[in-house]
Every structure is written in C-alpha cells, then in structure tokens.
Amino acid sequence: MAYFQHYRHSMVGTELNETLTEMMEKGLIDDELAEMIWLQFDKAISTSLSKVTNRATMKGPLDHYRNCEGLWTFLLRNARIRFEPSRYEVQVDEKIKVVACDAKLSAIQR
C-alpha cells in the first residue's frame, strides 16, 4: 500500500532525513533499512494526521496553484489563517506554501 511522501519535506521529515543520512554515513544502517524507515514514516504520519479533527481556513491572494495526481499545491501571500475550533487567527505577511492531498484519494490508499 502506497502513502503520500510529501510529509518527508516537513520539518520532522527533514530532521529524519538528516538522522538517517548520518547513520548511513557511519555504517549503522544500510539503504534498505533507511527505506523501510521512510515507508513506516509515510504510513505513520499519514495515519496520525488523518485523525485530526481541527480545521484551518486560509484567505489571501493566490499566487499559484496546481494539482498533480491528487496532490494540491497552493502559494498564498499575505494570508489570514483562522484555526477552528479555537477561532485563533494569525496574519502571515509573506508567501506561504500549502500542500494538501485529495481526501478521497488518500482514503483509497489506506
């Protein structure tokens, strides 16, 4: 079963990459084990995030968007983000990149 790999570019994914690279350089793990760890990471983070019920609403000028095989990418500038149910709101005065997967496609992959 395949899972989206875009979480590998998140902060936690970047840190995992650095750790795995360091461990491979020291000979503590091989490429095969590193790939198994990545596959487990993809599965674990996708499963965990699918259980989140909080929502965020974003408003702002859209610079760019694209959909490639159910993976959406949006570039917003000067966005206002509102988090529910807390109603906490924040203004981001720079460009932000939002990457989201199609929920229907994601559910099929599980």
PDB file of N, CA and C in Angstrom:
ATOM      1  N   MET A   1       0.841  -1.173   0.000  1.00  0.00           N
ATOM      2  CA  MET A   1       0.000   0.000   0.000  1.00  0.00           C
ATOM      3  C   MET A   1       0.892   1.243   0.000  1.00  0.00           C
ATOM      4  N   ALA A   2       0.601   2.179  -0.878  1.00  0.00           N
ATOM      5  CA  ALA A   2       1.418   3.390  -1.012  1.00  0.00           C
ATOM      6  C   ALA A   2       0.813   4.534  -0.210  1.00  0.00           C
ATOM      7  N   TYR A   3       1.671   5.367   0.329  1.00  0.00           N
ATOM      8  CA  TYR A   3       1.267   6.562   1.068  1.00  0.00           C
ATOM      9  C   TYR A   3       1.968   7.764   0.454  1.00  0.00           C
ATOM     10  N   PHE A   4       1.362   8.938   0.608  1.00  0.00           N
ATOM     11  CA  PHE A   4       1.988  10.152   0.109  1.00  0.00           C
ATOM     12  C   PHE A   4       3.332  10.368   0.794  1.00  0.00           C
ATOM     13  N   GLN A   5       4.285  10.891   0.037  1.00  0.00           N
ATOM     14  CA  GLN A   5       5.617  11.133   0.571  1.00  0.00           C
ATOM     15  C   GLN A   5       5.885  12.616   0.819  1.00  0.00           C
ATOM     16  N   HIS A   6       4.900  13.476   0.624  1.00  0.00           N
ATOM     17  CA  HIS A   6       5.164  14.915   0.755  1.00  0.00           C
ATOM     18  C   HIS A   6       5.472  15.332   2.194  1.00  0.00           C
ATOM     19  N   TYR A   7       5.129  14.508   3.186  1.00  0.00           N
ATOM     20  CA  TYR A   7       5.467  14.848   4.575  1.00  0.00           C
ATOM     21  C   TYR A   7       6.976  14.723   4.827  1.00  0.00           C
ATOM     22  N   ARG A   8       7.688  14.099   3.922  1.00  0.00           N
ATOM     23  CA  ARG A   8       9.141  13.985   4.061  1.00  0.00           C
ATOM     24  C   ARG A   8       9.812  15.352   3.977  1.00  0.00           C
ATOM     25  N   HIS A   9       9.096  16.332   3.417  1.00  0.00           N
ATOM     26  CA  HIS A   9       9.648  17.686   3.285  1.00  0.00           C
ATOM     27  C   HIS A   9       9.213  18.593   4.432  1.00  0.00           C
ATOM     28  N   SER A  10       8.504  18.034   5.399  1.00  0.00           N
ATOM     29  CA  SER A  10       8.122  18.802   6.583  1.00  0.00           C
ATOM     30  C   SER A  10       9.336  18.918   7.503  1.00  0.00           C
ATOM     31  N   MET A  11       9.200  19.671   8.571  1.00  0.00           N
ATOM     32  CA  MET A  11      10.325  19.840   9.494  1.00  0.00           C
ATOM     33  C   MET A  11      10.739  18.499  10.104  1.00  0.00           C
ATOM     34  N   VAL A  12       9.762  17.700  10.540  1.00  0.00           N
ATOM     35  CA  VAL A  12      10.106  16.412  11.144  1.00  0.00           C
ATOM     36  C   VAL A  12      10.699  15.463  10.092  1.00  0.00           C
ATOM     37  N   GLY A  13      10.212  15.537   8.862  1.00  0.00           N
ATOM     38  CA  GLY A  13      10.771  14.708   7.792  1.00  0.00           C
ATOM     39  C   GLY A  13      12.197  15.104   7.444  1.00  0.00           C
ATOM     40  N   THR A  14      12.470  16.402   7.444  1.00  0.00           N
ATOM     41  CA  THR A  14      13.822  16.899   7.183  1.00  0.00           C
ATOM     42  C   THR A  14      14.791  16.427   8.266  1.00  0.00           C
ATOM     43  N   GLU A  15      14.346  16.481   9.513  1.00  0.00           N
ATOM     44  CA  GLU A  15      15.200  16.017  10.622  1.00  0.00           C
ATOM     45  C   GLU A  15      15.442  14.514  10.536  1.00  0.00           C
ATOM     46  N   LEU A  16      14.409  13.757  10.162  1.00  0.00           N
ATOM     47  CA  LEU A  16      14.585  12.312   9.995  1.00  0.00           C
ATOM     48  C   LEU A  16      15.583  12.031   8.878  1.00  0.00           C
ATOM     49  N   ASN A  17      15.504  12.786   7.801  1.00  0.00           N
ATOM     50  CA  ASN A  17      16.436  12.613   6.697  1.00  0.00           C
ATOM     51  C   ASN A  17      17.879  12.844   7.142  1.00  0.00           C
ATOM     52  N   GLU A  18      18.097  13.904   7.908  1.00  0.00           N
ATOM     53  CA  GLU A  18      19.451  14.185   8.411  1.00  0.00           C
ATOM     54  C   GLU A  18      19.949  13.053   9.302  1.00  0.00           C
ATOM     55  N   THR A  19      19.073  12.537  10.156  1.00  0.00           N
ATOM     56  CA  THR A  19      19.451  11.452  11.055  1.00  0.00           C
ATOM     57  C   THR A  19      19.776  10.180  10.280  1.00  0.00           C
ATOM     58  N   LEU A  20      18.929   9.832   9.319  1.00  0.00           N
ATOM     59  CA  LEU A  20      19.169   8.621   8.524  1.00  0.00           C
ATOM     60  C   LEU A  20      20.451   8.753   7.705  1.00  0.00           C
ATOM     61  N   THR A  21      20.686   9.920   7.140  1.00  0.00           N
ATOM     62  CA  THR A  21      21.910  10.149   6.368  1.00  0.00           C
ATOM     63  C   THR A  21      23.142   9.977   7.250  1.00  0.00           C
ATOM     64  N   GLU A  22      23.094  10.553   8.441  1.00  0.00           N
ATOM     65  CA  GLU A  22      24.214  10.437   9.377  1.00  0.00           C
ATOM     66  C   GLU A  22      24.446   8.971   9.777  1.00  0.00           C
ATOM     67  N   MET A  23      23.372   8.247  10.032  1.00  0.00           N
ATOM     68  CA  MET A  23      23.501   6.843  10.428  1.00  0.00           C
ATOM     69  C   MET A  23      24.052   5.984   9.287  1.00  0.00           C
ATOM     70  N   MET A  24      23.658   6.300   8.045  1.00  0.00           N
ATOM     71  CA  MET A  24      24.190   5.558   6.897  1.00  0.00           C
ATOM     72  C   MET A  24      25.667   5.873   6.692  1.00  0.00           C
ATOM     73  N   GLU A  25      26.047   7.151   6.869  1.00  0.00           N
ATOM     74  CA  GLU A  25      27.452   7.534   6.718  1.00  0.00           C
ATOM     75  C   GLU A  25      28.336   6.837   7.747  1.00  0.00           C
ATOM     76  N   LYS A  26      27.805   6.614   8.946  1.00  0.00           N
ATOM     77  CA  LYS A  26      28.559   5.938   9.999  1.00  0.00           C
ATOM     78  C   LYS A  26      28.488   4.417   9.891  1.00  0.00           C
ATOM     79  N   GLY A  27      27.706   3.932   8.923  1.00  0.00           N
ATOM     80  CA  GLY A  27      27.595   2.497   8.728  1.00  0.00           C
ATOM     81  C   GLY A  27      26.690   1.803   9.725  1.00  0.00           C
ATOM     82  N   LEU A  28      25.864   2.564  10.428  1.00  0.00           N
ATOM     83  CA  LEU A  28      24.960   1.980  11.419  1.00  0.00           C
ATOM     84  C   LEU A  28      23.740   1.322  10.782  1.00  0.00           C
ATOM     85  N   ILE A  29      23.317   1.843   9.630  1.00  0.00           N
ATOM     86  CA  ILE A  29      22.203   1.246   8.883  1.00  0.00           C
ATOM     87  C   ILE A  29      22.555   1.259   7.403  1.00  0.00           C
ATOM     88  N   ASP A  30      21.894   0.391   6.644  1.00  0.00           N
ATOM     89  CA  ASP A  30      22.116   0.375   5.193  1.00  0.00           C
ATOM     90  C   ASP A  30      20.933   1.043   4.483  1.00  0.00           C
ATOM     91  N   ASP A  31      21.034   1.165   3.162  1.00  0.00           N
ATOM     92  CA  ASP A  31      19.995   1.828   2.370  1.00  0.00           C
ATOM     93  C   ASP A  31      18.640   1.136   2.509  1.00  0.00           C
ATOM     94  N   GLU A  32      18.662  -0.181   2.581  1.00  0.00           N
ATOM     95  CA  GLU A  32      17.425  -0.945   2.667  1.00  0.00           C
ATOM     96  C   GLU A  32      16.671  -0.630   3.964  1.00  0.00           C
ATOM     97  N   LEU A  33      17.380  -0.580   5.074  1.00  0.00           N
ATOM     98  CA  LEU A  33      16.743  -0.246   6.354  1.00  0.00           C
ATOM     99  C   LEU A  33      16.254   1.194   6.356  1.00  0.00           C
ATOM    100  N   ALA A  34      17.025   2.102   5.780  1.00  0.00           N
ATOM    101  CA  ALA A  34      16.602   3.504   5.693  1.00  0.00           C
ATOM    102  C   ALA A  34      15.303   3.618   4.897  1.00  0.00           C
ATOM    103  N   GLU A  35      15.185   2.882   3.809  1.00  0.00           N
ATOM    104  CA  GLU A  35      13.961   2.917   3.007  1.00  0.00           C
ATOM    105  C   GLU A  35      12.778   2.343   3.783  1.00  0.00           C
ATOM    106  N   MET A  36      13.012   1.295   4.560  1.00  0.00           N
ATOM    107  CA  MET A  36      11.951   0.728   5.396  1.00  0.00           C
ATOM    108  C   MET A  36      11.489   1.751   6.439  1.00  0.00           C
ATOM    109  N   ILE A  37      12.422   2.504   6.983  1.00  0.00           N
ATOM    110  CA  ILE A  37      12.086   3.545   7.964  1.00  0.00           C
ATOM    111  C   ILE A  37      11.253   4.634   7.304  1.00  0.00           C
ATOM    112  N   TRP A  38      11.649   5.033   6.079  1.00  0.00           N
ATOM    113  CA  TRP A  38      10.879   6.050   5.361  1.00  0.00           C
ATOM    114  C   TRP A  38       9.454   5.573   5.092  1.00  0.00           C
ATOM    115  N   LEU A  39       9.300   4.324   4.686  1.00  0.00           N
ATOM    116  CA  LEU A  39       7.960   3.795   4.411  1.00  0.00           C
ATOM    117  C   LEU A  39       7.105   3.788   5.675  1.00  0.00           C
ATOM    118  N   GLN A  40       7.715   3.433   6.792  1.00  0.00           N
ATOM    119  CA  GLN A  40       6.992   3.450   8.072  1.00  0.00           C
ATOM    120  C   GLN A  40       6.633   4.885   8.464  1.00  0.00           C
ATOM    121  N   PHE A  41       7.546   5.816   8.222  1.00  0.00           N
ATOM    122  CA  PHE A  41       7.284   7.233   8.497  1.00  0.00           C
ATOM    123  C   PHE A  41       6.090   7.720   7.675  1.00  0.00           C
ATOM    124  N   ASP A  42       6.086   7.408   6.368  1.00  0.00           N
ATOM    125  CA  ASP A  42       4.985   7.827   5.497  1.00  0.00           C
ATOM    126  C   ASP A  42       3.647   7.298   6.013  1.00  0.00           C
ATOM    127  N   LYS A  43       3.629   6.035   6.390  1.00  0.00           N
ATOM    128  CA  LYS A  43       2.404   5.414   6.890  1.00  0.00           C
ATOM    129  C   LYS A  43       1.972   6.035   8.216  1.00  0.00           C
ATOM    130  N   ALA A  44       2.913   6.171   9.152  1.00  0.00           N
ATOM    131  CA  ALA A  44       2.586   6.662  10.493  1.00  0.00           C
ATOM    132  C   ALA A  44       2.076   8.098  10.468  1.00  0.00           C
ATOM    133  N   ILE A  45       2.736   8.961   9.726  1.00  0.00           N
ATOM    134  CA  ILE A  45       2.319  10.366   9.728  1.00  0.00           C
ATOM    135  C   ILE A  45       0.998  10.541   8.991  1.00  0.00           C
ATOM    136  N   SER A  46       0.785   9.799   7.916  1.00  0.00           N
ATOM    137  CA  SER A  46      -0.490   9.882   7.197  1.00  0.00           C
ATOM    138  C   SER A  46      -1.641   9.385   8.063  1.00  0.00           C
ATOM    139  N   THR A  47      -1.418   8.285   8.751  1.00  0.00           N
ATOM    140  CA  THR A  47      -2.452   7.726   9.624  1.00  0.00           C
ATOM    141  C   THR A  47      -2.747   8.662  10.781  1.00  0.00           C
ATOM    142  N   SER A  48      -1.720   9.197  11.405  1.00  0.00           N
ATOM    143  CA  SER A  48      -1.903  10.096  12.548  1.00  0.00           C
ATOM    144  C   SER A  48      -2.624  11.376  12.146  1.00  0.00           C
ATOM    145  N   LEU A  49      -2.220  11.970  11.053  1.00  0.00           N
ATOM    146  CA  LEU A  49      -2.839  13.230  10.646  1.00  0.00           C
ATOM    147  C   LEU A  49      -4.273  13.051  10.154  1.00  0.00           C
ATOM    148  N   SER A  50      -4.617  11.846   9.711  1.00  0.00           N
ATOM    149  CA  SER A  50      -5.991  11.613   9.263  1.00  0.00           C
ATOM    150  C   SER A  50      -6.975  11.643  10.428  1.00  0.00           C
ATOM    151  N   LYS A  51      -6.474  11.537  11.653  1.00  0.00           N
ATOM    152  CA  LYS A  51      -7.329  11.545  12.843  1.00  0.00           C
ATOM    153  C   LYS A  51      -7.558  12.952  13.403  1.00  0.00           C
ATOM    154  N   VAL A  52      -6.875  13.932  12.878  1.00  0.00           N
ATOM    155  CA  VAL A  52      -7.007  15.314  13.356  1.00  0.00           C
ATOM    156  C   VAL A  52      -8.362  15.857  12.910  1.00  0.00           C
ATOM    157  N   THR A  53      -9.091  16.442  13.853  1.00  0.00           N
ATOM    158  CA  THR A  53     -10.415  16.980  13.529  1.00  0.00           C
ATOM    159  C   THR A  53     -10.428  18.510  13.456  1.00  0.00           C
ATOM    160  N   ASN A  54      -9.374  19.168  13.900  1.00  0.00           N
ATOM    161  CA  ASN A  54      -9.308  20.630  13.825  1.00  0.00           C
ATOM    162  C   ASN A  54      -9.194  21.069  12.373  1.00  0.00           C
ATOM    163  N   ARG A  55      -9.630  22.278  12.108  1.00  0.00           N
ATOM    164  CA  ARG A  55      -9.595  22.813  10.745  1.00  0.00           C
ATOM    165  C   ARG A  55      -8.938  24.179  10.732  1.00  0.00           C
ATOM    166  N   ALA A  56      -8.438  24.536   9.569  1.00  0.00           N
ATOM    167  CA  ALA A  56      -7.885  25.871   9.365  1.00  0.00           C
ATOM    168  C   ALA A  56      -8.495  26.438   8.085  1.00  0.00           C
ATOM    169  N   THR A  57      -8.842  27.714   8.146  1.00  0.00           N
ATOM    170  CA  THR A  57      -9.355  28.421   6.978  1.00  0.00           C
ATOM    171  C   THR A  57      -8.334  29.476   6.603  1.00  0.00           C
ATOM    172  N   MET A  58      -7.968  29.526   5.327  1.00  0.00           N
ATOM    173  CA  MET A  58      -6.973  30.489   4.862  1.00  0.00           C
ATOM    174  C   MET A  58      -7.592  31.400   3.819  1.00  0.00           C
ATOM    175  N   LYS A  59      -7.317  32.681   3.956  1.00  0.00           N
ATOM    176  CA  LYS A  59      -7.782  33.668   2.980  1.00  0.00           C
ATOM    177  C   LYS A  59      -6.621  34.569   2.634  1.00  0.00           C
ATOM    178  N   GLY A  60      -6.492  34.831   1.354  1.00  0.00           N
ATOM    179  CA  GLY A  60      -5.437  35.715   0.886  1.00  0.00           C
ATOM    180  C   GLY A  60      -5.275  35.592  -0.615  1.00  0.00           C
ATOM    181  N   PRO A  61      -4.535  36.508  -1.217  1.00  0.00           N
ATOM    182  CA  PRO A  61      -4.302  36.457  -2.656  1.00  0.00           C
ATOM    183  C   PRO A  61      -3.558  35.167  -3.043  1.00  0.00           C
ATOM    184  N   LEU A  62      -4.071  34.493  -4.046  1.00  0.00           N
ATOM    185  CA  LEU A  62      -3.489  33.240  -4.520  1.00  0.00           C
ATOM    186  C   LEU A  62      -2.503  33.545  -5.643  1.00  0.00           C
ATOM    187  N   ASP A  63      -1.228  33.248  -5.423  1.00  0.00           N
ATOM    188  CA  ASP A  63      -0.214  33.475  -6.449  1.00  0.00           C
ATOM    189  C   ASP A  63      -0.183  32.340  -7.473  1.00  0.00           C
ATOM    190  N   HIS A  64      -0.374  31.114  -6.980  1.00  0.00           N
ATOM    191  CA  HIS A  64      -0.228  29.954  -7.863  1.00  0.00           C
ATOM    192  C   HIS A  64      -0.925  28.752  -7.242  1.00  0.00           C
ATOM    193  N   TYR A  65      -1.467  27.895  -8.077  1.00  0.00           N
ATOM    194  CA  TYR A  65      -1.985  26.618  -7.592  1.00  0.00           C
ATOM    195  C   TYR A  65      -1.779  25.558  -8.663  1.00  0.00           C
ATOM    196  N   ARG A  66      -1.755  24.295  -8.208  1.00  0.00           N
ATOM    197  CA  ARG A  66      -1.632  23.199  -9.162  1.00  0.00           C
ATOM    198  C   ARG A  66      -2.095  21.911  -8.489  1.00  0.00           C
ATOM    199  N   ASN A  67      -2.579  20.986  -9.319  1.00  0.00           N
ATOM    200  CA  ASN A  67      -2.988  19.669  -8.853  1.00  0.00           C
ATOM    201  C   ASN A  67      -2.280  18.639  -9.723  1.00  0.00           C
ATOM    202  N   CYS A  68      -1.522  17.792  -9.072  1.00  0.00           N
ATOM    203  CA  CYS A  68      -0.821  16.730  -9.787  1.00  0.00           C
ATOM    204  C   CYS A  68      -1.122  15.414  -9.083  1.00  0.00           C
ATOM    205  N   GLU A  69      -1.926  14.591  -9.722  1.00  0.00           N
ATOM    206  CA  GLU A  69      -2.288  13.274  -9.195  1.00  0.00           C
ATOM    207  C   GLU A  69      -2.866  13.347  -7.784  1.00  0.00           C
ATOM    208  N   GLY A  70      -3.755  14.301  -7.564  1.00  0.00           N
ATOM    209  CA  GLY A  70      -4.431  14.422  -6.273  1.00  0.00           C
ATOM    210  C   GLY A  70      -3.644  15.157  -5.209  1.00  0.00           C
ATOM    211  N   LEU A  71      -2.470  15.666  -5.546  1.00  0.00           N
ATOM    212  CA  LEU A  71      -1.660  16.431  -4.609  1.00  0.00           C
ATOM    213  C   LEU A  71      -1.742  17.904  -5.008  1.00  0.00           C
ATOM    214  N   TRP A  72      -2.381  18.698  -4.161  1.00  0.00           N
ATOM    215  CA  TRP A  72      -2.591  20.117  -4.425  1.00  0.00           C
ATOM    216  C   TRP A  72      -1.472  20.947  -3.822  1.00  0.00           C
ATOM    217  N   THR A  73      -1.039  21.964  -4.553  1.00  0.00           N
ATOM    218  CA  THR A  73      -0.063  22.933  -4.056  1.00  0.00           C
ATOM    219  C   THR A  73      -0.643  24.334  -4.277  1.00  0.00           C
ATOM    220  N   PHE A  74      -0.676  25.124  -3.211  1.00  0.00           N
ATOM    221  CA  PHE A  74      -1.165  26.495  -3.276  1.00  0.00           C
ATOM    222  C   PHE A  74      -0.078  27.419  -2.742  1.00  0.00           C
ATOM    223  N   LEU A  75       0.151  28.538  -3.419  1.00  0.00           N
ATOM    224  CA  LEU A  75       1.052  29.573  -2.931  1.00  0.00           C
ATOM    225  C   LEU A  75       0.211  30.821  -2.653  1.00  0.00           C
ATOM    226  N   LEU A  76       0.158  31.206  -1.386  1.00  0.00           N
ATOM    227  CA  LEU A  76      -0.608  32.371  -0.950  1.00  0.00           C
ATOM    228  C   LEU A  76       0.344  33.441  -0.442  1.00  0.00           C
ATOM    229  N   ARG A  77      -0.071  34.694  -0.555  1.00  0.00           N
ATOM    230  CA  ARG A  77       0.725  35.761   0.055  1.00  0.00           C
ATOM    231  C   ARG A  77      -0.189  36.589   0.942  1.00  0.00           C
ATOM    232  N   ASN A  78       0.397  37.086   2.016  1.00  0.00           N
ATOM    233  CA  ASN A  78      -0.353  37.898   2.987  1.00  0.00           C
ATOM    234  C   ASN A  78      -1.649  37.212   3.419  1.00  0.00           C
ATOM    235  N   ALA A  79      -1.523  35.953   3.765  1.00  0.00           N
ATOM    236  CA  ALA A  79      -2.702  35.156   4.107  1.00  0.00           C
ATOM    237  C   ALA A  79      -3.136  35.371   5.554  1.00  0.00           C
ATOM    238  N   ARG A  80      -4.417  35.243   5.764  1.00  0.00           N
ATOM    239  CA  ARG A  80      -5.004  35.268   7.105  1.00  0.00           C
ATOM    240  C   ARG A  80      -5.468  33.836   7.369  1.00  0.00           C
ATOM    241  N   ILE A  81      -4.959  33.241   8.453  1.00  0.00           N
ATOM    242  CA  ILE A  81      -5.278  31.850   8.770  1.00  0.00           C
ATOM    243  C   ILE A  81      -6.088  31.822  10.062  1.00  0.00           C
ATOM    244  N   ARG A  82      -7.208  31.124  10.015  1.00  0.00           N
ATOM    245  CA  ARG A  82      -8.079  31.001  11.190  1.00  0.00           C
ATOM    246  C   ARG A  82      -8.179  29.522  11.551  1.00  0.00           C
ATOM    247  N   PHE A  83      -7.894  29.224  12.809  1.00  0.00           N
ATOM    248  CA  PHE A  83      -7.905  27.853  13.302  1.00  0.00           C
ATOM    249  C   PHE A  83      -9.192  27.588  14.058  1.00  0.00           C
ATOM    250  N   GLU A  84      -9.835  26.481  13.747  1.00  0.00           N
ATOM    251  CA  GLU A  84     -11.073  26.073  14.423  1.00  0.00           C
ATOM    252  C   GLU A  84     -10.787  24.819  15.230  1.00  0.00           C
ATOM    253  N   PRO A  85     -11.369  24.606  16.354  1.00  0.00           N
ATOM    254  CA  PRO A  85     -12.486  25.346  16.936  1.00  0.00           C
ATOM    255  C   PRO A  85     -12.063  26.513  17.821  1.00  0.00           C
ATOM    256  N   SER A  86     -10.769  26.775  17.963  1.00  0.00           N
ATOM    257  CA  SER A  86     -10.305  27.813  18.899  1.00  0.00           C
ATOM    258  C   SER A  86     -10.590  29.231  18.422  1.00  0.00           C
ATOM    259  N   ARG A  87     -10.815  29.402  17.124  1.00  0.00           N
ATOM    260  CA  ARG A  87     -11.036  30.705  16.497  1.00  0.00           C
ATOM    261  C   ARG A  87      -9.798  31.607  16.575  1.00  0.00           C
ATOM    262  N   TYR A  88      -8.653  30.991  16.836  1.00  0.00           N
ATOM    263  CA  TYR A  88      -7.388  31.736  16.841  1.00  0.00           C
ATOM    264  C   TYR A  88      -7.079  32.135  15.409  1.00  0.00           C
ATOM    265  N   GLU A  89      -6.638  33.376  15.211  1.00  0.00           N
ATOM    266  CA  GLU A  89      -6.377  33.885  13.869  1.00  0.00           C
ATOM    267  C   GLU A  89      -4.991  34.508  13.811  1.00  0.00           C
ATOM    268  N   VAL A  90      -4.297  34.317  12.702  1.00  0.00           N
ATOM    269  CA  VAL A  90      -2.959  34.864  12.527  1.00  0.00           C
ATOM    270  C   VAL A  90      -2.838  35.435  11.109  1.00  0.00           C
ATOM    271  N   GLN A  91      -2.094  36.512  10.997  1.00  0.00           N
ATOM    272  CA  GLN A  91      -1.807  37.133   9.707  1.00  0.00           C
ATOM    273  C   GLN A  91      -0.370  36.787   9.327  1.00  0.00           C
ATOM    274  N   VAL A  92      -0.171  36.227   8.155  1.00  0.00           N
ATOM    275  CA  VAL A  92       1.169  35.874   7.669  1.00  0.00           C
ATOM    276  C   VAL A  92       1.526  36.870   6.571  1.00  0.00           C
ATOM    277  N   ASP A  93       2.528  37.697   6.815  1.00  0.00           N
ATOM    278  CA  ASP A  93       2.885  38.771   5.888  1.00  0.00           C
ATOM    279  C   ASP A  93       3.987  38.367   4.916  1.00  0.00           C
ATOM    280  N   GLU A  94       3.950  37.146   4.464  1.00  0.00           N
ATOM    281  CA  GLU A  94       4.896  36.656   3.460  1.00  0.00           C
ATOM    282  C   GLU A  94       4.219  35.535   2.702  1.00  0.00           C
ATOM    283  N   LYS A  95       4.903  34.997   1.713  1.00  0.00           N
ATOM    284  CA  LYS A  95       4.331  33.898   0.952  1.00  0.00           C
ATOM    285  C   LYS A  95       4.349  32.621   1.782  1.00  0.00           C
ATOM    286  N   ILE A  96       3.286  31.842   1.655  1.00  0.00           N
ATOM    287  CA  ILE A  96       3.260  30.534   2.285  1.00  0.00           C
ATOM    288  C   ILE A  96       2.872  29.492   1.237  1.00  0.00           C
ATOM    289  N   LYS A  97       3.389  28.312   1.428  1.00  0.00           N
ATOM    290  CA  LYS A  97       3.106  27.202   0.527  1.00  0.00           C
ATOM    291  C   LYS A  97       2.266  26.188   1.289  1.00  0.00           C
ATOM    292  N   VAL A  98       1.131  25.842   0.716  1.00  0.00           N
ATOM    293  CA  VAL A  98       0.242  24.855   1.318  1.00  0.00           C
ATOM    294  C   VAL A  98       0.210  23.647   0.392  1.00  0.00           C
ATOM    295  N   VAL A  99       0.511  22.484   0.943  1.00  0.00           N
ATOM    296  CA  VAL A  99       0.456  21.235   0.185  1.00  0.00           C
ATOM    297  C   VAL A  99      -0.607  20.368   0.832  1.00  0.00           C
ATOM    298  N   ALA A 100      -1.564  19.907   0.039  1.00  0.00           N
ATOM    299  CA  ALA A 100      -2.667  19.107   0.569  1.00  0.00           C
ATOM    300  C   ALA A 100      -2.957  17.959  -0.387  1.00  0.00           C
ATOM    301  N   CYS A 101      -3.384  16.840   0.187  1.00  0.00           N
ATOM    302  CA  CYS A 101      -3.743  15.705  -0.659  1.00  0.00           C
ATOM    303  C   CYS A 101      -5.253  15.567  -0.724  1.00  0.00           C
ATOM    304  N   ASP A 102      -5.716  15.029  -1.810  1.00  0.00           N
ATOM    305  CA  ASP A 102      -7.130  14.775  -2.020  1.00  0.00           C
ATOM    306  C   ASP A 102      -7.602  13.734  -1.013  1.00  0.00           C
ATOM    307  N   ALA A 103      -8.555  14.083  -0.171  1.00  0.00           N
ATOM    308  CA  ALA A 103      -9.005  13.179   0.896  1.00  0.00           C
ATOM    309  C   ALA A 103      -9.552  11.870   0.336  1.00  0.00           C
ATOM    310  N   LYS A 104     -10.257  11.926  -0.781  1.00  0.00           N
ATOM    311  CA  LYS A 104     -10.798  10.700  -1.363  1.00  0.00           C
ATOM    312  C   LYS A 104      -9.686   9.779  -1.830  1.00  0.00           C
ATOM    313  N   LEU A 105      -8.679  10.342  -2.471  1.00  0.00           N
ATOM    314  CA  LEU A 105      -7.536   9.546  -2.947  1.00  0.00           C
ATOM    315  C   LEU A 105      -6.761   8.985  -1.769  1.00  0.00           C
ATOM    316  N   SER A 106      -6.586   9.785  -0.734  1.00  0.00           N
ATOM    317  CA  SER A 106      -5.873   9.357   0.453  1.00  0.00           C
ATOM    318  C   SER A 106      -6.593   8.195   1.134  1.00  0.00           C
ATOM    319  N   ALA A 107      -7.916   8.248   1.196  1.00  0.00           N
ATOM    320  CA  ALA A 107      -8.696   7.184   1.827  1.00  0.00           C
ATOM    321  C   ALA A 107      -8.594   5.880   1.045  1.00  0.00           C
ATOM    322  N   ILE A 108      -8.516   5.971  -0.273  1.00  0.00           N
ATOM    323  CA  ILE A 108      -8.383   4.780  -1.115  1.00  0.00           C
ATOM    324  C   ILE A 108      -7.066   4.088  -0.867  1.00  0.00           C
ATOM    325  N   GLN A 109      -6.015   4.862  -0.597  1.00  0.00           N
ATOM    326  CA  GLN A 109      -4.686   4.296  -0.425  1.00  0.00           C
ATOM    327  C   GLN A 109      -4.517   3.569   0.897  1.00  0.00           C
ATOM    328  N   ARG A 110      -5.395   3.809   1.862  1.00  0.00           N
ATOM    329  CA  ARG A 110      -5.259   3.159   3.177  1.00  0.00           C
ATOM    330  C   ARG A 110      -5.825   1.802   3.179  1.00  0.00           C
TER     331      ARG A 110
END
